[in-house]
Amino acid sequence: MRCSYVYILSDVNNRILYTGVISNLLKRVWEHKNHIVDGFTKRYNVTKLVYYEEGENINSAISREKQIKGKLRKKKIVLIEKSNPEWRDLYLDLVNEKPMSL
């Protein structure tokens, strides 16, 4: 069974938050960083991976995404800062863990 991920991206100033769900997190964040994906993240330059969690399957990840999207910004910030208090870009950590396959 394939893993799925819920993730939160931010802009460089941590003012804008974007929540998404995907099965290939490395590839999707790379697409955001390289402005391959048209839409919100490209328009607002939201490219910094500040939070992610793995789901058992796509349905559980989608359900979790909806929970996170329904939270107030303040609660999203608490969620991010619990695991990433410095708001580091976690993308490089992922790249170093697993080589990306596009």
PDB file of N, CA and C in Angstrom:
ATOM      1  N   MET A   1       0.838  -1.179   0.000  1.00  0.00           N
ATOM      2  CA  MET A   1       0.000   0.000   0.000  1.00  0.00           C
ATOM      3  C   MET A   1       0.884   1.243   0.000  1.00  0.00           C
ATOM      4  N   ARG A   2       0.497   2.214  -0.750  1.00  0.00           N
ATOM      5  CA  ARG A   2       1.275   3.434  -0.933  1.00  0.00           C
ATOM      6  C   ARG A   2       0.975   4.450   0.158  1.00  0.00           C
ATOM      7  N   CYS A   3       2.008   5.082   0.696  1.00  0.00           N
ATOM      8  CA  CYS A   3       1.848   6.112   1.717  1.00  0.00           C
ATOM      9  C   CYS A   3       1.372   7.404   1.073  1.00  0.00           C
ATOM     10  N   SER A   4       0.716   8.215   1.861  1.00  0.00           N
ATOM     11  CA  SER A   4       0.293   9.540   1.440  1.00  0.00           C
ATOM     12  C   SER A   4       0.696  10.529   2.504  1.00  0.00           C
ATOM     13  N   TYR A   5       0.804  11.772   2.118  1.00  0.00           N
ATOM     14  CA  TYR A   5       1.283  12.808   3.025  1.00  0.00           C
ATOM     15  C   TYR A   5       0.358  14.015   3.021  1.00  0.00           C
ATOM     16  N   VAL A   6       0.219  14.611   4.191  1.00  0.00           N
ATOM     17  CA  VAL A   6      -0.389  15.920   4.338  1.00  0.00           C
ATOM     18  C   VAL A   6       0.774  16.864   4.602  1.00  0.00           C
ATOM     19  N   TYR A   7       0.774  18.013   3.960  1.00  0.00           N
ATOM     20  CA  TYR A   7       1.903  18.922   4.131  1.00  0.00           C
ATOM     21  C   TYR A   7       1.425  20.362   4.214  1.00  0.00           C
ATOM     22  N   ILE A   8       2.267  21.181   4.842  1.00  0.00           N
ATOM     23  CA  ILE A   8       2.007  22.618   4.894  1.00  0.00           C
ATOM     24  C   ILE A   8       3.233  23.328   4.346  1.00  0.00           C
ATOM     25  N   LEU A   9       2.981  24.216   3.395  1.00  0.00           N
ATOM     26  CA  LEU A   9       4.020  25.062   2.834  1.00  0.00           C
ATOM     27  C   LEU A   9       3.803  26.487   3.322  1.00  0.00           C
ATOM     28  N   SER A  10       4.887  27.253   3.332  1.00  0.00           N
ATOM     29  CA  SER A  10       4.826  28.653   3.707  1.00  0.00           C
ATOM     30  C   SER A  10       5.678  29.464   2.749  1.00  0.00           C
ATOM     31  N   ASP A  11       5.483  30.768   2.775  1.00  0.00           N
ATOM     32  CA  ASP A  11       6.370  31.652   2.030  1.00  0.00           C
ATOM     33  C   ASP A  11       7.588  31.950   2.901  1.00  0.00           C
ATOM     34  N   VAL A  12       8.553  32.693   2.399  1.00  0.00           N
ATOM     35  CA  VAL A  12       9.781  32.956   3.151  1.00  0.00           C
ATOM     36  C   VAL A  12       9.532  33.726   4.441  1.00  0.00           C
ATOM     37  N   ASN A  13       8.501  34.529   4.488  1.00  0.00           N
ATOM     38  CA  ASN A  13       8.195  35.318   5.685  1.00  0.00           C
ATOM     39  C   ASN A  13       7.232  34.615   6.634  1.00  0.00           C
ATOM     40  N   ASN A  14       6.822  33.413   6.306  1.00  0.00           N
ATOM     41  CA  ASN A  14       5.890  32.616   7.118  1.00  0.00           C
ATOM     42  C   ASN A  14       4.550  33.321   7.327  1.00  0.00           C
ATOM     43  N   ARG A  15       4.128  34.093   6.363  1.00  0.00           N
ATOM     44  CA  ARG A  15       2.843  34.781   6.452  1.00  0.00           C
ATOM     45  C   ARG A  15       1.720  33.992   5.786  1.00  0.00           C
ATOM     46  N   ILE A  16       2.072  33.243   4.752  1.00  0.00           N
ATOM     47  CA  ILE A  16       1.067  32.523   3.982  1.00  0.00           C
ATOM     48  C   ILE A  16       1.255  31.035   4.221  1.00  0.00           C
ATOM     49  N   LEU A  17       0.155  30.342   4.483  1.00  0.00           N
ATOM     50  CA  LEU A  17       0.198  28.891   4.685  1.00  0.00           C
ATOM     51  C   LEU A  17      -0.663  28.211   3.633  1.00  0.00           C
ATOM     52  N   TYR A  18      -0.166  27.096   3.135  1.00  0.00           N
ATOM     53  CA  TYR A  18      -0.892  26.280   2.153  1.00  0.00           C
ATOM     54  C   TYR A  18      -0.843  24.835   2.624  1.00  0.00           C
ATOM     55  N   THR A  19      -1.989  24.199   2.672  1.00  0.00           N
ATOM     56  CA  THR A  19      -2.066  22.795   3.085  1.00  0.00           C
ATOM     57  C   THR A  19      -2.447  21.943   1.884  1.00  0.00           C
ATOM     58  N   GLY A  20      -1.736  20.828   1.701  1.00  0.00           N
ATOM     59  CA  GLY A  20      -2.015  19.938   0.594  1.00  0.00           C
ATOM     60  C   GLY A  20      -1.864  18.481   0.990  1.00  0.00           C
ATOM     61  N   VAL A  21      -2.204  17.605   0.065  1.00  0.00           N
ATOM     62  CA  VAL A  21      -2.085  16.170   0.262  1.00  0.00           C
ATOM     63  C   VAL A  21      -1.546  15.554  -1.024  1.00  0.00           C
ATOM     64  N   ILE A  22      -0.671  14.558  -0.876  1.00  0.00           N
ATOM     65  CA  ILE A  22      -0.026  13.955  -2.056  1.00  0.00           C
ATOM     66  C   ILE A  22       0.582  12.609  -1.675  1.00  0.00           C
ATOM     67  N   SER A  23       0.837  11.774  -2.652  1.00  0.00           N
ATOM     68  CA  SER A  23       1.489  10.490  -2.370  1.00  0.00           C
ATOM     69  C   SER A  23       3.006  10.567  -2.554  1.00  0.00           C
ATOM     70  N   ASN A  24       3.492  11.475  -3.390  1.00  0.00           N
ATOM     71  CA  ASN A  24       4.930  11.628  -3.594  1.00  0.00           C
ATOM     72  C   ASN A  24       5.326  13.030  -3.120  1.00  0.00           C
ATOM     73  N   LEU A  25       5.635  13.140  -1.849  1.00  0.00           N
ATOM     74  CA  LEU A  25       5.909  14.433  -1.226  1.00  0.00           C
ATOM     75  C   LEU A  25       7.129  15.124  -1.830  1.00  0.00           C
ATOM     76  N   LEU A  26       8.215  14.404  -2.011  1.00  0.00           N
ATOM     77  CA  LEU A  26       9.425  15.004  -2.586  1.00  0.00           C
ATOM     78  C   LEU A  26       9.154  15.629  -3.950  1.00  0.00           C
ATOM     79  N   LYS A  27       8.501  14.887  -4.794  1.00  0.00           N
ATOM     80  CA  LYS A  27       8.212  15.377  -6.141  1.00  0.00           C
ATOM     81  C   LYS A  27       7.311  16.600  -6.088  1.00  0.00           C
ATOM     82  N   ARG A  28       6.280  16.548  -5.261  1.00  0.00           N
ATOM     83  CA  ARG A  28       5.330  17.660  -5.216  1.00  0.00           C
ATOM     84  C   ARG A  28       5.966  18.938  -4.676  1.00  0.00           C
ATOM     85  N   VAL A  29       6.765  18.832  -3.630  1.00  0.00           N
ATOM     86  CA  VAL A  29       7.424  20.025  -3.088  1.00  0.00           C
ATOM     87  C   VAL A  29       8.419  20.567  -4.106  1.00  0.00           C
ATOM     88  N   TRP A  30       9.131  19.686  -4.790  1.00  0.00           N
ATOM     89  CA  TRP A  30      10.041  20.116  -5.855  1.00  0.00           C
ATOM     90  C   TRP A  30       9.263  20.901  -6.915  1.00  0.00           C
ATOM     91  N   GLU A  31       8.087  20.416  -7.282  1.00  0.00           N
ATOM     92  CA  GLU A  31       7.253  21.123  -8.267  1.00  0.00           C
ATOM     93  C   GLU A  31       6.863  22.511  -7.758  1.00  0.00           C
ATOM     94  N   HIS A  32       6.481  22.605  -6.485  1.00  0.00           N
ATOM     95  CA  HIS A  32       6.148  23.913  -5.907  1.00  0.00           C
ATOM     96  C   HIS A  32       7.377  24.834  -5.932  1.00  0.00           C
ATOM     97  N   LYS A  33       8.516  24.313  -5.518  1.00  0.00           N
ATOM     98  CA  LYS A  33       9.743  25.123  -5.460  1.00  0.00           C
ATOM     99  C   LYS A  33      10.165  25.626  -6.835  1.00  0.00           C
ATOM    100  N   ASN A  34       9.891  24.868  -7.852  1.00  0.00           N
ATOM    101  CA  ASN A  34      10.282  25.229  -9.215  1.00  0.00           C
ATOM    102  C   ASN A  34       9.133  25.846 -10.007  1.00  0.00           C
ATOM    103  N   HIS A  35       8.057  26.183  -9.324  1.00  0.00           N
ATOM    104  CA  HIS A  35       6.895  26.857  -9.906  1.00  0.00           C
ATOM    105  C   HIS A  35       6.318  26.111 -11.106  1.00  0.00           C
ATOM    106  N   ILE A  36       6.333  24.792 -11.013  1.00  0.00           N
ATOM    107  CA  ILE A  36       5.759  23.940 -12.052  1.00  0.00           C
ATOM    108  C   ILE A  36       4.233  23.931 -11.930  1.00  0.00           C
ATOM    109  N   VAL A  37       3.753  24.065 -10.702  1.00  0.00           N
ATOM    110  CA  VAL A  37       2.323  23.975 -10.403  1.00  0.00           C
ATOM    111  C   VAL A  37       1.709  25.369 -10.475  1.00  0.00           C
ATOM    112  N   ASP A  38       0.791  25.574 -11.419  1.00  0.00           N
ATOM    113  CA  ASP A  38       0.074  26.848 -11.486  1.00  0.00           C
ATOM    114  C   ASP A  38      -0.911  26.937 -10.337  1.00  0.00           C
ATOM    115  N   GLY A  39      -1.190  28.141  -9.920  1.00  0.00           N
ATOM    116  CA  GLY A  39      -2.192  28.342  -8.880  1.00  0.00           C
ATOM    117  C   GLY A  39      -1.654  29.125  -7.699  1.00  0.00           C
ATOM    118  N   PHE A  40      -2.240  28.876  -6.549  1.00  0.00           N
ATOM    119  CA  PHE A  40      -1.985  29.632  -5.329  1.00  0.00           C
ATOM    120  C   PHE A  40      -0.510  29.673  -4.947  1.00  0.00           C
ATOM    121  N   THR A  41       0.134  28.521  -4.894  1.00  0.00           N
ATOM    122  CA  THR A  41       1.523  28.477  -4.416  1.00  0.00           C
ATOM    123  C   THR A  41       2.467  29.212  -5.365  1.00  0.00           C
ATOM    124  N   LYS A  42       2.213  29.116  -6.641  1.00  0.00           N
ATOM    125  CA  LYS A  42       3.044  29.825  -7.622  1.00  0.00           C
ATOM    126  C   LYS A  42       2.799  31.327  -7.528  1.00  0.00           C
ATOM    127  N   ARG A  43       1.537  31.716  -7.441  1.00  0.00           N
ATOM    128  CA  ARG A  43       1.170  33.133  -7.389  1.00  0.00           C
ATOM    129  C   ARG A  43       1.749  33.833  -6.164  1.00  0.00           C
ATOM    130  N   TYR A  44       1.759  33.141  -5.015  1.00  0.00           N
ATOM    131  CA  TYR A  44       2.217  33.740  -3.764  1.00  0.00           C
ATOM    132  C   TYR A  44       3.606  33.259  -3.322  1.00  0.00           C
ATOM    133  N   ASN A  45       4.308  32.535  -4.178  1.00  0.00           N
ATOM    134  CA  ASN A  45       5.655  32.037  -3.911  1.00  0.00           C
ATOM    135  C   ASN A  45       5.735  31.264  -2.590  1.00  0.00           C
ATOM    136  N   VAL A  46       4.826  30.330  -2.449  1.00  0.00           N
ATOM    137  CA  VAL A  46       4.745  29.491  -1.248  1.00  0.00           C
ATOM    138  C   VAL A  46       5.506  28.200  -1.556  1.00  0.00           C
ATOM    139  N   THR A  47       6.754  28.132  -1.072  1.00  0.00           N
ATOM    140  CA  THR A  47       7.632  27.033  -1.482  1.00  0.00           C
ATOM    141  C   THR A  47       8.370  26.354  -0.335  1.00  0.00           C
ATOM    142  N   LYS A  48       8.186  26.812   0.879  1.00  0.00           N
ATOM    143  CA  LYS A  48       8.951  26.278   2.014  1.00  0.00           C
ATOM    144  C   LYS A  48       8.125  25.219   2.746  1.00  0.00           C
ATOM    145  N   LEU A  49       8.623  23.996   2.762  1.00  0.00           N
ATOM    146  CA  LEU A  49       7.960  22.899   3.471  1.00  0.00           C
ATOM    147  C   LEU A  49       8.218  23.054   4.966  1.00  0.00           C
ATOM    148  N   VAL A  50       7.175  23.379   5.723  1.00  0.00           N
ATOM    149  CA  VAL A  50       7.353  23.620   7.160  1.00  0.00           C
ATOM    150  C   VAL A  50       6.737  22.520   8.025  1.00  0.00           C
ATOM    151  N   TYR A  51       5.907  21.661   7.416  1.00  0.00           N
ATOM    152  CA  TYR A  51       5.262  20.600   8.191  1.00  0.00           C
ATOM    153  C   TYR A  51       4.797  19.507   7.238  1.00  0.00           C
ATOM    154  N   TYR A  52       4.889  18.264   7.708  1.00  0.00           N
ATOM    155  CA  TYR A  52       4.278  17.161   6.971  1.00  0.00           C
ATOM    156  C   TYR A  52       4.039  16.013   7.930  1.00  0.00           C
ATOM    157  N   GLU A  53       3.085  15.199   7.575  1.00  0.00           N
ATOM    158  CA  GLU A  53       2.840  13.959   8.317  1.00  0.00           C
ATOM    159  C   GLU A  53       2.411  12.897   7.326  1.00  0.00           C
ATOM    160  N   GLU A  54       2.760  11.676   7.644  1.00  0.00           N
ATOM    161  CA  GLU A  54       2.458  10.546   6.776  1.00  0.00           C
ATOM    162  C   GLU A  54       1.135   9.923   7.178  1.00  0.00           C
ATOM    163  N   GLY A  55       0.327   9.600   6.178  1.00  0.00           N
ATOM    164  CA  GLY A  55      -0.928   8.904   6.416  1.00  0.00           C
ATOM    165  C   GLY A  55      -0.822   7.469   5.939  1.00  0.00           C
ATOM    166  N   GLU A  56      -1.707   6.634   6.436  1.00  0.00           N
ATOM    167  CA  GLU A  56      -1.693   5.216   6.039  1.00  0.00           C
ATOM    168  C   GLU A  56      -2.085   5.019   4.585  1.00  0.00           C
ATOM    169  N   ASN A  57      -3.002   5.845   4.114  1.00  0.00           N
ATOM    170  CA  ASN A  57      -3.475   5.749   2.738  1.00  0.00           C
ATOM    171  C   ASN A  57      -4.022   7.110   2.320  1.00  0.00           C
ATOM    172  N   ILE A  58      -4.407   7.225   1.076  1.00  0.00           N
ATOM    173  CA  ILE A  58      -4.858   8.514   0.556  1.00  0.00           C
ATOM    174  C   ILE A  58      -6.117   8.998   1.261  1.00  0.00           C
ATOM    175  N   ASN A  59      -7.008   8.100   1.621  1.00  0.00           N
ATOM    176  CA  ASN A  59      -8.248   8.519   2.284  1.00  0.00           C
ATOM    177  C   ASN A  59      -7.986   9.106   3.665  1.00  0.00           C
ATOM    178  N   SER A  60      -7.097   8.485   4.424  1.00  0.00           N
ATOM    179  CA  SER A  60      -6.779   9.031   5.750  1.00  0.00           C
ATOM    180  C   SER A  60      -6.041  10.358   5.615  1.00  0.00           C
ATOM    181  N   ALA A  61      -5.194  10.492   4.592  1.00  0.00           N
ATOM    182  CA  ALA A  61      -4.475  11.744   4.374  1.00  0.00           C
ATOM    183  C   ALA A  61      -5.429  12.866   3.971  1.00  0.00           C
ATOM    184  N   ILE A  62      -6.395  12.557   3.122  1.00  0.00           N
ATOM    185  CA  ILE A  62      -7.383  13.562   2.714  1.00  0.00           C
ATOM    186  C   ILE A  62      -8.221  13.997   3.911  1.00  0.00           C
ATOM    187  N   SER A  63      -8.594  13.049   4.731  1.00  0.00           N
ATOM    188  CA  SER A  63      -9.362  13.368   5.939  1.00  0.00           C
ATOM    189  C   SER A  63      -8.569  14.288   6.865  1.00  0.00           C
ATOM    190  N   ARG A  64      -7.296  13.988   7.036  1.00  0.00           N
ATOM    191  CA  ARG A  64      -6.440  14.815   7.893  1.00  0.00           C
ATOM    192  C   ARG A  64      -6.235  16.203   7.279  1.00  0.00           C
ATOM    193  N   GLU A  65      -6.093  16.256   5.959  1.00  0.00           N
ATOM    194  CA  GLU A  65      -5.959  17.542   5.278  1.00  0.00           C
ATOM    195  C   GLU A  65      -7.173  18.432   5.558  1.00  0.00           C
ATOM    196  N   LYS A  66      -8.351  17.845   5.490  1.00  0.00           N
ATOM    197  CA  LYS A  66      -9.577  18.607   5.762  1.00  0.00           C
ATOM    198  C   LYS A  66      -9.599  19.113   7.202  1.00  0.00           C
ATOM    199  N   GLN A  67      -9.132  18.288   8.138  1.00  0.00           N
ATOM    200  CA  GLN A  67      -9.062  18.716   9.542  1.00  0.00           C
ATOM    201  C   GLN A  67      -8.143  19.925   9.680  1.00  0.00           C
ATOM    202  N   ILE A  68      -6.980  19.840   9.065  1.00  0.00           N
ATOM    203  CA  ILE A  68      -5.998  20.927   9.172  1.00  0.00           C
ATOM    204  C   ILE A  68      -6.516  22.186   8.486  1.00  0.00           C
ATOM    205  N   LYS A  69      -7.079  22.038   7.307  1.00  0.00           N
ATOM    206  CA  LYS A  69      -7.603  23.204   6.590  1.00  0.00           C
ATOM    207  C   LYS A  69      -8.716  23.887   7.376  1.00  0.00           C
ATOM    208  N   GLY A  70      -9.448  23.130   8.176  1.00  0.00           N
ATOM    209  CA  GLY A  70     -10.539  23.687   8.964  1.00  0.00           C
ATOM    210  C   GLY A  70     -10.080  24.413  10.221  1.00  0.00           C
ATOM    211  N   LYS A  71      -8.813  24.297  10.554  1.00  0.00           N
ATOM    212  CA  LYS A  71      -8.284  24.943  11.767  1.00  0.00           C
ATOM    213  C   LYS A  71      -8.013  26.421  11.525  1.00  0.00           C
ATOM    214  N   LEU A  72      -8.096  27.186  12.595  1.00  0.00           N
ATOM    215  CA  LEU A  72      -7.684  28.578  12.532  1.00  0.00           C
ATOM    216  C   LEU A  72      -6.178  28.647  12.311  1.00  0.00           C
ATOM    217  N   ARG A  73      -5.717  29.745  11.753  1.00  0.00           N
ATOM    218  CA  ARG A  73      -4.284  29.926  11.498  1.00  0.00           C
ATOM    219  C   ARG A  73      -3.468  29.696  12.767  1.00  0.00           C
ATOM    220  N   LYS A  74      -3.950  30.194  13.891  1.00  0.00           N
ATOM    221  CA  LYS A  74      -3.240  30.059  15.157  1.00  0.00           C
ATOM    222  C   LYS A  74      -2.993  28.586  15.500  1.00  0.00           C
ATOM    223  N   LYS A  75      -3.976  27.743  15.247  1.00  0.00           N
ATOM    224  CA  LYS A  75      -3.820  26.310  15.541  1.00  0.00           C
ATOM    225  C   LYS A  75      -2.879  25.637  14.552  1.00  0.00           C
ATOM    226  N   LYS A  76      -2.857  26.106  13.313  1.00  0.00           N
ATOM    227  CA  LYS A  76      -1.901  25.576  12.334  1.00  0.00           C
ATOM    228  C   LYS A  76      -0.476  25.917  12.762  1.00  0.00           C
ATOM    229  N   ILE A  77      -0.302  27.125  13.270  1.00  0.00           N
ATOM    230  CA  ILE A  77       1.025  27.549  13.733  1.00  0.00           C
ATOM    231  C   ILE A  77       1.479  26.684  14.904  1.00  0.00           C
ATOM    232  N   VAL A  78       0.582  26.385  15.827  1.00  0.00           N
ATOM    233  CA  VAL A  78       0.916  25.507  16.948  1.00  0.00           C
ATOM    234  C   VAL A  78       1.342  24.136  16.426  1.00  0.00           C
ATOM    235  N   LEU A  79       0.613  23.605  15.452  1.00  0.00           N
ATOM    236  CA  LEU A  79       0.938  22.309  14.855  1.00  0.00           C
ATOM    237  C   LEU A  79       2.336  22.345  14.227  1.00  0.00           C
ATOM    238  N   ILE A  80       2.638  23.386  13.486  1.00  0.00           N
ATOM    239  CA  ILE A  80       3.951  23.519  12.842  1.00  0.00           C
ATOM    240  C   ILE A  80       5.047  23.632  13.894  1.00  0.00           C
ATOM    241  N   GLU A  81       4.849  24.518  14.868  1.00  0.00           N
ATOM    242  CA  GLU A  81       5.909  24.796  15.834  1.00  0.00           C
ATOM    243  C   GLU A  81       6.162  23.655  16.816  1.00  0.00           C
ATOM    244  N   LYS A  82       5.206  22.755  16.930  1.00  0.00           N
ATOM    245  CA  LYS A  82       5.407  21.582  17.786  1.00  0.00           C
ATOM    246  C   LYS A  82       6.547  20.707  17.250  1.00  0.00           C
ATOM    247  N   SER A  83       6.622  20.563  15.946  1.00  0.00           N
ATOM    248  CA  SER A  83       7.667  19.713  15.353  1.00  0.00           C
ATOM    249  C   SER A  83       8.763  20.514  14.645  1.00  0.00           C
ATOM    250  N   ASN A  84       8.506  21.787  14.376  1.00  0.00           N
ATOM    251  CA  ASN A  84       9.458  22.596  13.622  1.00  0.00           C
ATOM    252  C   ASN A  84       9.458  24.034  14.168  1.00  0.00           C
ATOM    253  N   PRO A  85       9.946  24.228  15.394  1.00  0.00           N
ATOM    254  CA  PRO A  85       9.853  25.549  16.032  1.00  0.00           C
ATOM    255  C   PRO A  85      10.606  26.661  15.304  1.00  0.00           C
ATOM    256  N   GLU A  86      11.621  26.325  14.531  1.00  0.00           N
ATOM    257  CA  GLU A  86      12.384  27.342  13.799  1.00  0.00           C
ATOM    258  C   GLU A  86      11.816  27.628  12.415  1.00  0.00           C
ATOM    259  N   TRP A  87      10.774  26.907  12.041  1.00  0.00           N
ATOM    260  CA  TRP A  87      10.171  27.047  10.717  1.00  0.00           C
ATOM    261  C   TRP A  87      11.212  26.802   9.615  1.00  0.00           C
ATOM    262  N   ARG A  88      12.064  25.799   9.832  1.00  0.00           N
ATOM    263  CA  ARG A  88      13.048  25.426   8.809  1.00  0.00           C
ATOM    264  C   ARG A  88      12.348  24.839   7.595  1.00  0.00           C
ATOM    265  N   ASP A  89      12.999  24.911   6.463  1.00  0.00           N
ATOM    266  CA  ASP A  89      12.505  24.245   5.267  1.00  0.00           C
ATOM    267  C   ASP A  89      12.899  22.778   5.380  1.00  0.00           C
ATOM    268  N   LEU A  90      11.930  21.912   5.550  1.00  0.00           N
ATOM    269  CA  LEU A  90      12.173  20.489   5.781  1.00  0.00           C
ATOM    270  C   LEU A  90      12.470  19.712   4.506  1.00  0.00           C
ATOM    271  N   TYR A  91      12.368  20.379   3.379  1.00  0.00           N
ATOM    272  CA  TYR A  91      12.587  19.709   2.094  1.00  0.00           C
ATOM    273  C   TYR A  91      13.980  19.087   2.002  1.00  0.00           C
ATOM    274  N   LEU A  92      15.001  19.835   2.409  1.00  0.00           N
ATOM    275  CA  LEU A  92      16.365  19.296   2.304  1.00  0.00           C
ATOM    276  C   LEU A  92      16.561  18.076   3.199  1.00  0.00           C
ATOM    277  N   ASP A  93      15.900  18.055   4.344  1.00  0.00           N
ATOM    278  CA  ASP A  93      15.960  16.866   5.207  1.00  0.00           C
ATOM    279  C   ASP A  93      15.408  15.655   4.464  1.00  0.00           C
ATOM    280  N   LEU A  94      14.308  15.849   3.761  1.00  0.00           N
ATOM    281  CA  LEU A  94      13.702  14.747   3.003  1.00  0.00           C
ATOM    282  C   LEU A  94      14.602  14.297   1.861  1.00  0.00           C
ATOM    283  N   VAL A  95      15.186  15.244   1.165  1.00  0.00           N
ATOM    284  CA  VAL A  95      16.070  14.911   0.038  1.00  0.00           C
ATOM    285  C   VAL A  95      17.253  14.095   0.522  1.00  0.00           C
ATOM    286  N   ASN A  96      17.781  14.467   1.679  1.00  0.00           N
ATOM    287  CA  ASN A  96      18.924  13.739   2.220  1.00  0.00           C
ATOM    288  C   ASN A  96      18.545  12.341   2.710  1.00  0.00           C
ATOM    289  N   GLU A  97      17.273  12.168   3.102  1.00  0.00           N
ATOM    290  CA  GLU A  97      16.803  10.839   3.542  1.00  0.00           C
ATOM    291  C   GLU A  97      16.588   9.900   2.373  1.00  0.00           C
ATOM    292  N   LYS A  98      15.925  10.406   1.317  1.00  0.00           N
ATOM    293  CA  LYS A  98      15.585   9.566   0.180  1.00  0.00           C
ATOM    294  C   LYS A  98      15.880  10.309  -1.109  1.00  0.00           C
ATOM    295  N   PRO A  99      16.550   9.695  -2.031  1.00  0.00           N
ATOM    296  CA  PRO A  99      16.716  10.311  -3.333  1.00  0.00           C
ATOM    297  C   PRO A  99      15.354  10.461  -4.018  1.00  0.00           C
ATOM    298  N   MET A 100      15.167  11.561  -4.709  1.00  0.00           N
ATOM    299  CA  MET A 100      13.891  11.824  -5.361  1.00  0.00           C
ATOM    300  C   MET A 100      13.818  11.125  -6.710  1.00  0.00           C
ATOM    301  N   SER A 101      12.669  10.550  -6.982  1.00  0.00           N
ATOM    302  CA  SER A 101      12.441   9.992  -8.300  1.00  0.00           C
ATOM    303  C   SER A 101      11.297  10.769  -8.942  1.00  0.00           C
ATOM    304  N   LEU A 102      11.632  11.454  -9.991  1.00  0.00           N
ATOM    305  CA  LEU A 102      10.612  12.224 -10.710  1.00  0.00           C
ATOM    306  C   LEU A 102      10.074  11.343 -11.788  1.00  0.00           C
TER     307      LEU A 102
END
